[in-house]
Amino acid sequence: MADGLRRRDFRVKNLDVSGQATGNIGGLKTPNKVWYVDGSQITGVSGDGTTWDEAFLTITEAMAVVGENDIVYVAAKEITDYTGDPTSYAETVIIPYAAAGMALIGVYRGQTQGGLPQIKIGSGSTALLTVRAPGCLIANIGFNGASSTGGGILLDDDYAAKAAFGTTIEGCHFKNCVVTTKTAASGGAIYTTSAGNAWQVTIRNNYFYKNECDIVLVGTSSTRPQNWIISDNVFSGPAASVNCNLYLAGGSGINGVIIDNNIFPCDPALASGDTDECVVLTGCVGVYSRNMHGFTGLTLGDGTVTGGTIPTTVFMVANYQEDAIITRTS
């Protein structure tokens, strides 16, 4: 029991750090309710979720009770082996429409695969996390696609019973996420449905690794998303594992996208990949600025060019690769 108490106390201390000192989640309004999830809960029996002592064992249990403006804190499970992969929450999670403005926040030990609570299901074709409520915050959670083909986070907005506008995703780790193998437009670590919608999305300070695609706009059959900010992220490498980092060319693209201060470690080169470019922004309107690219002598610009496809409707400002400032090549 003493060991268990020490473990829980350590988690609470880290909770304070992640929620307050680091500024990782910003200033949150006093929530209606706070819920706790701990898959390694000391008793091994799911409680009512109202304290760490009575924590739920699964995130799904919290989603069954979460309401508007609630906060759900998730503790990392105890790592029980030495394989380099954290013990995971083996579940697919849906944030329901009734939970508008809720926050799903992992207990933070550092932005690495082993420092965050991780969701991983193995085989399956459902997104690890589906967002169907507006104004949600997802912070400090790991997503490992492993052998599944449902991708990481799905922004599921149909302009009817589901909404994902105003979503903020930050401080998360994404690995091995794929939807349709070697097809960029199908989805990836963070992606939309073919309807599009999901306006006012912010994706910042995340770490992507070995995802075939990182961020994907699948389509815009309902509405064209507007006002996305994608900043301060480290995107996937190495090259042989990646098809595309940013594929925002689905449908008519995003109107008003800011892509700023990101790191692209490589020029994607997935075997038989259908895209194999860092960025494909066909149809988008916005700004591409201060991004760092880990390649040499390649170009970004209109048309089919090595490195990326960026239309003249997206202004390029102060982007760099190893040997030069990147300029537009038509």
Protein backbone atom coordinates (compact mmCIF):
# COMPACT_ATOMS: atom_id res chain seq x y z
CA MET A 1 0.00 0.00 0.00
CA ALA A 2 2.85 2.39 0.83
CA ASP A 3 4.37 1.89 -2.61
CA GLY A 4 1.00 2.54 -4.20
CA LEU A 5 0.54 5.74 -2.23
CA ARG A 6 3.97 6.98 -3.26
CA ARG A 7 3.14 6.26 -6.89
CA ARG A 8 -0.12 8.21 -6.70
CA ASP A 9 1.53 11.13 -4.91
CA PHE A 10 4.13 11.33 -7.71
CA ARG A 11 1.36 11.50 -10.28
CA VAL A 12 -0.42 14.31 -8.47
CA LYS A 13 2.80 16.32 -8.33
CA ASN A 14 3.30 15.87 -12.05
CA LEU A 15 -0.32 16.81 -12.61
CA ASP A 16 0.36 20.15 -10.93
CA VAL A 17 3.41 20.64 -13.13
CA SER A 18 1.61 19.88 -16.37
CA GLY A 19 -1.46 21.90 -15.56
CA GLN A 20 0.10 24.92 -13.95
CA ALA A 21 3.86 25.46 -14.10
CA THR A 22 4.65 24.51 -17.68
CA GLY A 23 1.74 26.40 -19.21
CA ASN A 24 1.17 23.38 -21.42
CA ILE A 25 -2.61 23.59 -21.23
CA GLY A 26 -3.06 27.30 -20.69
CA GLY A 27 -5.54 28.89 -18.32
CA LEU A 28 -8.63 26.73 -17.95
CA LYS A 29 -11.97 27.99 -16.70
CA THR A 30 -13.14 26.36 -13.49
CA PRO A 31 -14.63 23.12 -14.80
CA ASN A 32 -18.09 21.88 -14.04
CA LYS A 33 -16.54 18.58 -12.91
CA VAL A 34 -13.14 16.92 -12.82
CA TRP A 35 -12.72 13.22 -13.60
CA TYR A 36 -9.72 10.94 -13.09
CA VAL A 37 -8.53 7.91 -15.06
CA ASP A 38 -5.78 5.59 -13.84
CA GLY A 39 -5.45 2.25 -15.62
CA SER A 40 -3.02 1.09 -12.90
CA GLN A 41 -5.29 2.14 -10.06
CA ILE A 42 -4.08 0.64 -6.79
CA THR A 43 -7.19 -1.40 -6.04
CA GLY A 44 -7.53 -2.68 -9.60
CA VAL A 45 -11.25 -1.88 -9.36
CA SER A 46 -12.83 1.00 -11.24
CA GLY A 47 -14.24 3.69 -8.96
CA ASP A 48 -16.59 6.59 -9.59
CA GLY A 49 -13.86 8.70 -11.21
CA THR A 50 -14.13 11.63 -8.79
CA THR A 51 -10.66 11.31 -7.18
CA TRP A 52 -7.37 9.55 -7.90
CA ASP A 53 -8.27 7.05 -5.16
CA GLU A 54 -11.54 6.30 -6.98
CA ALA A 55 -10.25 6.70 -10.53
CA PHE A 56 -11.80 5.02 -13.56
CA LEU A 57 -9.71 2.26 -15.09
CA THR A 58 -10.51 3.31 -18.68
CA ILE A 59 -10.89 6.57 -20.58
CA THR A 60 -14.12 5.22 -22.09
CA GLU A 61 -15.72 5.18 -18.64
CA ALA A 62 -14.92 8.87 -18.27
CA MET A 63 -16.43 9.65 -21.68
CA ALA A 64 -19.69 8.04 -20.54
CA VAL A 65 -20.13 10.67 -17.80
CA VAL A 66 -18.18 13.71 -19.01
CA GLY A 67 -20.17 16.88 -19.56
CA GLU A 68 -19.72 20.38 -20.92
CA ASN A 69 -16.52 22.12 -19.75
CA ASP A 70 -15.42 19.12 -17.66
CA ILE A 71 -11.78 18.07 -17.33
CA VAL A 72 -10.61 14.46 -17.58
CA TYR A 73 -7.11 13.74 -16.25
CA VAL A 74 -5.44 10.53 -17.41
CA ALA A 75 -2.48 8.93 -15.66
CA ALA A 76 0.07 6.86 -17.55
CA LYS A 77 -0.16 3.16 -16.83
CA GLU A 78 2.72 1.53 -14.99
CA ILE A 79 5.25 0.20 -17.49
CA THR A 80 5.54 -3.53 -16.87
CA ASP A 81 8.13 -4.68 -19.43
CA TYR A 82 11.29 -3.53 -21.15
CA THR A 83 10.28 -3.46 -24.82
CA GLY A 84 10.43 0.31 -25.25
CA ASP A 85 6.65 0.62 -25.61
CA PRO A 86 4.57 1.95 -22.70
CA THR A 87 1.73 -0.06 -21.25
CA SER A 88 -1.28 1.32 -23.10
CA TYR A 89 -4.97 2.06 -22.81
CA ALA A 90 -6.21 -0.53 -25.32
CA GLU A 91 -9.41 1.26 -26.28
CA THR A 92 -10.87 3.56 -28.90
CA VAL A 93 -12.26 6.73 -27.38
CA ILE A 94 -15.08 9.03 -28.53
CA ILE A 95 -15.61 12.53 -27.14
CA PRO A 96 -19.41 12.97 -27.37
CA TYR A 97 -21.18 16.12 -28.53
CA ALA A 98 -22.56 16.69 -25.01
CA ALA A 99 -18.99 17.26 -23.78
CA ALA A 100 -18.45 20.60 -25.57
CA GLY A 101 -15.49 22.48 -24.17
CA MET A 102 -14.09 19.52 -22.27
CA ALA A 103 -10.37 18.90 -21.75
CA LEU A 104 -8.66 15.51 -21.97
CA ILE A 105 -5.27 15.92 -20.31
CA GLY A 106 -2.57 13.37 -19.66
CA VAL A 107 -0.37 13.47 -16.56
CA TYR A 108 2.86 14.86 -18.00
CA ARG A 109 6.35 13.40 -17.48
CA GLY A 110 7.87 14.74 -20.67
CA GLN A 111 6.84 14.79 -24.31
CA THR A 112 8.11 11.34 -25.23
CA GLN A 113 6.40 8.06 -25.97
CA GLY A 114 7.28 6.84 -22.47
CA GLY A 115 6.37 10.08 -20.72
CA LEU A 116 2.68 10.27 -21.59
CA PRO A 117 -0.37 8.01 -21.16
CA GLN A 118 -0.65 6.10 -24.43
CA ILE A 119 -3.65 4.84 -26.39
CA LYS A 120 -2.93 1.79 -28.57
CA ILE A 121 -5.28 -0.94 -29.75
CA GLY A 122 -3.14 -3.08 -32.02
CA SER A 123 -5.29 -4.38 -34.87
CA GLY A 124 -8.46 -2.48 -35.81
CA SER A 125 -9.75 0.16 -38.22
CA THR A 126 -11.25 2.75 -35.83
CA ALA A 127 -9.53 6.02 -34.91
CA LEU A 128 -7.86 5.90 -31.51
CA LEU A 129 -9.69 9.12 -30.53
CA THR A 130 -12.72 10.60 -32.28
CA VAL A 131 -13.74 14.19 -31.54
CA ARG A 132 -17.46 14.94 -31.91
CA ALA A 133 -17.72 17.96 -29.59
CA PRO A 134 -16.71 21.59 -30.20
CA GLY A 135 -14.08 23.55 -28.32
CA CYS A 136 -12.20 20.58 -26.86
CA LEU A 137 -8.61 20.46 -25.64
CA ILE A 138 -6.53 17.30 -26.05
CA ALA A 139 -3.15 17.57 -24.32
CA ASN A 140 -0.31 15.31 -23.21
CA ILE A 141 -1.61 12.04 -24.68
CA GLY A 142 0.32 9.46 -26.72
CA PHE A 143 -1.23 7.75 -29.76
CA ASN A 144 0.39 4.60 -31.15
CA GLY A 145 -1.22 3.27 -34.34
CA ALA A 146 0.84 0.06 -34.20
CA SER A 147 -0.95 -2.49 -36.44
CA SER A 148 -4.25 -0.58 -36.64
CA THR A 149 -5.57 1.34 -39.65
CA GLY A 150 -7.89 3.87 -38.04
CA GLY A 151 -5.38 6.67 -37.57
CA GLY A 152 -4.81 8.73 -34.44
CA ILE A 153 -7.31 11.58 -33.88
CA LEU A 154 -10.35 11.92 -36.17
CA LEU A 155 -12.07 15.33 -36.29
CA ASP A 156 -15.60 14.07 -36.94
CA ASP A 157 -17.80 17.05 -37.80
CA ASP A 158 -21.00 16.60 -39.84
CA TYR A 159 -22.68 19.99 -39.21
CA ALA A 160 -25.59 18.10 -37.61
CA ALA A 161 -25.16 15.85 -34.57
CA LYS A 162 -21.36 16.04 -34.41
CA ALA A 163 -18.93 18.97 -34.30
CA ALA A 164 -15.16 19.30 -33.98
CA PHE A 165 -14.63 23.01 -34.55
CA GLY A 166 -12.42 24.82 -32.05
CA THR A 167 -10.35 21.72 -31.24
CA THR A 168 -6.88 22.28 -29.77
CA ILE A 169 -4.35 19.45 -29.83
CA GLU A 170 -1.05 20.08 -28.09
CA GLY A 171 1.78 18.35 -26.29
CA CYS A 172 0.84 14.97 -27.77
CA HIS A 173 2.97 12.19 -29.29
CA PHE A 174 1.90 10.33 -32.44
CA LYS A 175 3.57 7.19 -33.78
CA ASN A 176 2.80 4.55 -36.45
CA CYS A 177 -0.53 6.12 -37.44
CA VAL A 178 -2.02 5.20 -40.82
CA VAL A 179 -5.48 4.87 -42.38
CA THR A 180 -5.09 3.45 -45.88
CA THR A 181 -1.54 2.23 -46.35
CA LYS A 182 0.58 4.41 -48.65
CA THR A 183 -2.38 6.68 -49.53
CA ALA A 184 -1.89 10.19 -48.14
CA ALA A 185 -5.43 11.48 -48.75
CA SER A 186 -7.04 8.78 -46.59
CA GLY A 187 -5.93 10.12 -43.21
CA GLY A 188 -3.18 9.82 -40.65
CA ALA A 189 -2.19 10.87 -37.14
CA ILE A 190 -4.70 13.78 -37.16
CA TYR A 191 -7.34 13.90 -39.89
CA THR A 192 -10.84 14.95 -40.90
CA THR A 193 -13.70 13.08 -42.49
CA SER A 194 -14.43 13.64 -46.19
CA ALA A 195 -17.05 16.24 -45.14
CA GLY A 196 -14.37 18.63 -43.93
CA ASN A 197 -15.95 21.20 -41.57
CA ALA A 198 -13.94 21.40 -38.29
CA TRP A 199 -13.13 25.11 -38.45
CA GLN A 200 -10.77 26.96 -36.06
CA VAL A 201 -8.44 24.07 -35.24
CA THR A 202 -5.09 24.55 -33.50
CA ILE A 203 -2.39 21.85 -33.64
CA ARG A 204 0.75 22.92 -31.82
CA ASN A 205 3.78 21.58 -29.97
CA ASN A 206 3.21 17.93 -30.91
CA TYR A 207 5.77 15.26 -31.78
CA PHE A 208 5.11 13.00 -34.77
CA TYR A 209 7.22 9.92 -35.52
CA LYS A 210 6.98 7.23 -38.22
CA ASN A 211 3.42 8.09 -39.23
CA GLU A 212 2.80 7.52 -42.92
CA CYS A 213 0.89 10.81 -42.81
CA ASP A 214 0.78 13.32 -39.99
CA ILE A 215 -2.05 15.83 -40.62
CA VAL A 216 -4.62 15.23 -43.36
CA LEU A 217 -7.61 17.12 -44.72
CA VAL A 218 -9.50 14.27 -46.38
CA GLY A 219 -12.18 16.35 -48.10
CA THR A 220 -14.50 19.36 -48.04
CA SER A 221 -17.81 17.96 -49.31
CA SER A 222 -19.80 19.81 -46.60
CA THR A 223 -17.73 22.94 -45.93
CA ARG A 224 -14.18 24.07 -46.45
CA PRO A 225 -12.39 24.39 -43.07
CA GLN A 226 -11.08 27.81 -42.12
CA ASN A 227 -8.61 29.27 -39.66
CA TRP A 228 -6.31 26.36 -38.84
CA ILE A 229 -3.04 27.04 -36.99
CA ILE A 230 -0.33 24.38 -37.24
CA SER A 231 2.71 25.53 -35.28
CA ASP A 232 5.76 24.42 -33.31
CA ASN A 233 5.45 20.74 -34.20
CA VAL A 234 8.14 18.17 -35.01
CA PHE A 235 6.90 16.09 -37.93
CA SER A 236 7.59 12.47 -38.87
CA GLY A 237 10.76 10.85 -40.11
CA PRO A 238 12.76 8.91 -41.11
CA ALA A 239 12.13 9.31 -44.82
CA ALA A 240 11.49 5.65 -45.63
CA SER A 241 8.60 5.56 -43.13
CA VAL A 242 6.77 8.68 -44.32
CA ASN A 243 4.49 9.41 -47.29
CA CYS A 244 3.47 13.00 -46.41
CA ASN A 245 3.69 15.22 -43.36
CA LEU A 246 0.96 17.74 -44.24
CA TYR A 247 -1.63 16.71 -46.80
CA LEU A 248 -4.15 19.55 -46.78
CA ALA A 249 -5.24 19.18 -50.42
CA GLY A 250 -8.42 17.20 -49.85
CA GLY A 251 -11.39 18.84 -51.57
CA SER A 252 -10.78 22.58 -51.90
CA GLY A 253 -8.14 22.86 -49.18
CA ILE A 254 -8.17 25.03 -46.05
CA ASN A 255 -9.03 28.72 -46.28
CA GLY A 256 -6.84 30.61 -43.84
CA VAL A 257 -4.16 28.16 -42.68
CA ILE A 258 -1.07 29.29 -40.78
CA ILE A 259 1.81 26.79 -40.84
CA ASP A 260 4.56 28.29 -38.71
CA ASN A 261 7.79 27.31 -36.97
CA ASN A 262 7.62 23.56 -37.55
CA ILE A 263 10.45 21.06 -38.11
CA PHE A 264 10.29 18.66 -41.06
CA PRO A 265 13.16 16.18 -40.49
CA CYS A 266 13.22 14.63 -43.97
CA ASP A 267 11.93 14.58 -47.52
CA PRO A 268 9.44 11.64 -47.35
CA ALA A 269 10.35 8.57 -49.37
CA LEU A 270 7.96 5.77 -48.43
CA ALA A 271 8.35 2.85 -50.83
CA SER A 272 5.48 3.03 -53.33
CA GLY A 273 4.03 6.02 -51.49
CA ASP A 274 1.53 7.95 -53.59
CA THR A 275 2.75 11.40 -52.48
CA ASP A 276 6.23 11.37 -50.90
CA GLU A 277 6.33 15.11 -50.24
CA CYS A 278 6.62 17.09 -47.02
CA VAL A 279 3.65 19.33 -47.73
CA VAL A 280 0.80 19.27 -50.24
CA LEU A 281 -1.30 22.42 -49.86
CA THR A 282 -3.18 22.49 -53.16
CA GLY A 283 -6.28 24.70 -52.80
CA CYS A 284 -5.18 26.24 -49.51
CA VAL A 285 -4.98 29.95 -48.70
CA GLY A 286 -2.66 31.14 -45.97
CA VAL A 287 0.94 31.51 -44.79
CA TYR A 288 3.86 29.05 -44.66
CA SER A 289 6.53 30.63 -42.48
CA ARG A 290 9.69 29.93 -40.45
CA ASN A 291 9.64 26.18 -41.11
CA MET A 292 12.86 24.15 -40.96
CA HIS A 293 13.44 21.32 -43.46
CA GLY A 294 15.95 18.54 -43.03
CA PHE A 295 17.02 18.23 -46.65
CA THR A 296 19.43 19.79 -49.10
CA GLY A 297 18.96 21.22 -52.57
CA LEU A 298 15.23 20.55 -52.84
CA THR A 299 12.43 22.92 -53.76
CA LEU A 300 8.94 23.85 -52.58
CA GLY A 301 6.38 25.47 -54.81
CA ASP A 302 3.66 25.03 -57.42
CA GLY A 303 3.21 21.89 -59.44
CA THR A 304 4.85 18.53 -58.97
CA VAL A 305 8.18 19.38 -57.39
CA THR A 306 10.48 17.53 -55.04
CA GLY A 307 9.82 18.49 -51.44
CA GLY A 308 6.31 19.89 -51.55
CA THR A 309 3.45 21.49 -53.44
CA ILE A 310 2.58 24.98 -52.21
CA PRO A 311 0.28 27.16 -54.36
CA THR A 312 0.78 30.89 -54.82
CA THR A 313 -2.25 31.46 -52.57
CA VAL A 314 -0.05 30.37 -49.65
CA PHE A 315 2.62 32.98 -48.93
CA MET A 316 6.07 31.59 -48.12
CA VAL A 317 8.12 33.54 -45.56
CA ALA A 318 11.57 32.69 -44.13
CA ASN A 319 11.61 28.90 -44.59
CA TYR A 320 14.92 27.05 -44.44
CA GLN A 321 16.64 23.84 -45.47
CA GLU A 322 20.18 22.74 -44.68
CA ASP A 323 21.98 24.76 -47.33
CA ALA A 324 19.71 27.69 -48.10
CA ILE A 325 16.59 29.74 -47.61
CA ILE A 326 13.77 28.01 -49.46
CA THR A 327 12.31 30.04 -52.27
CA ARG A 328 9.28 29.31 -54.38
CA THR A 329 9.79 27.27 -57.52
CA SER A 330 6.88 27.22 -59.96
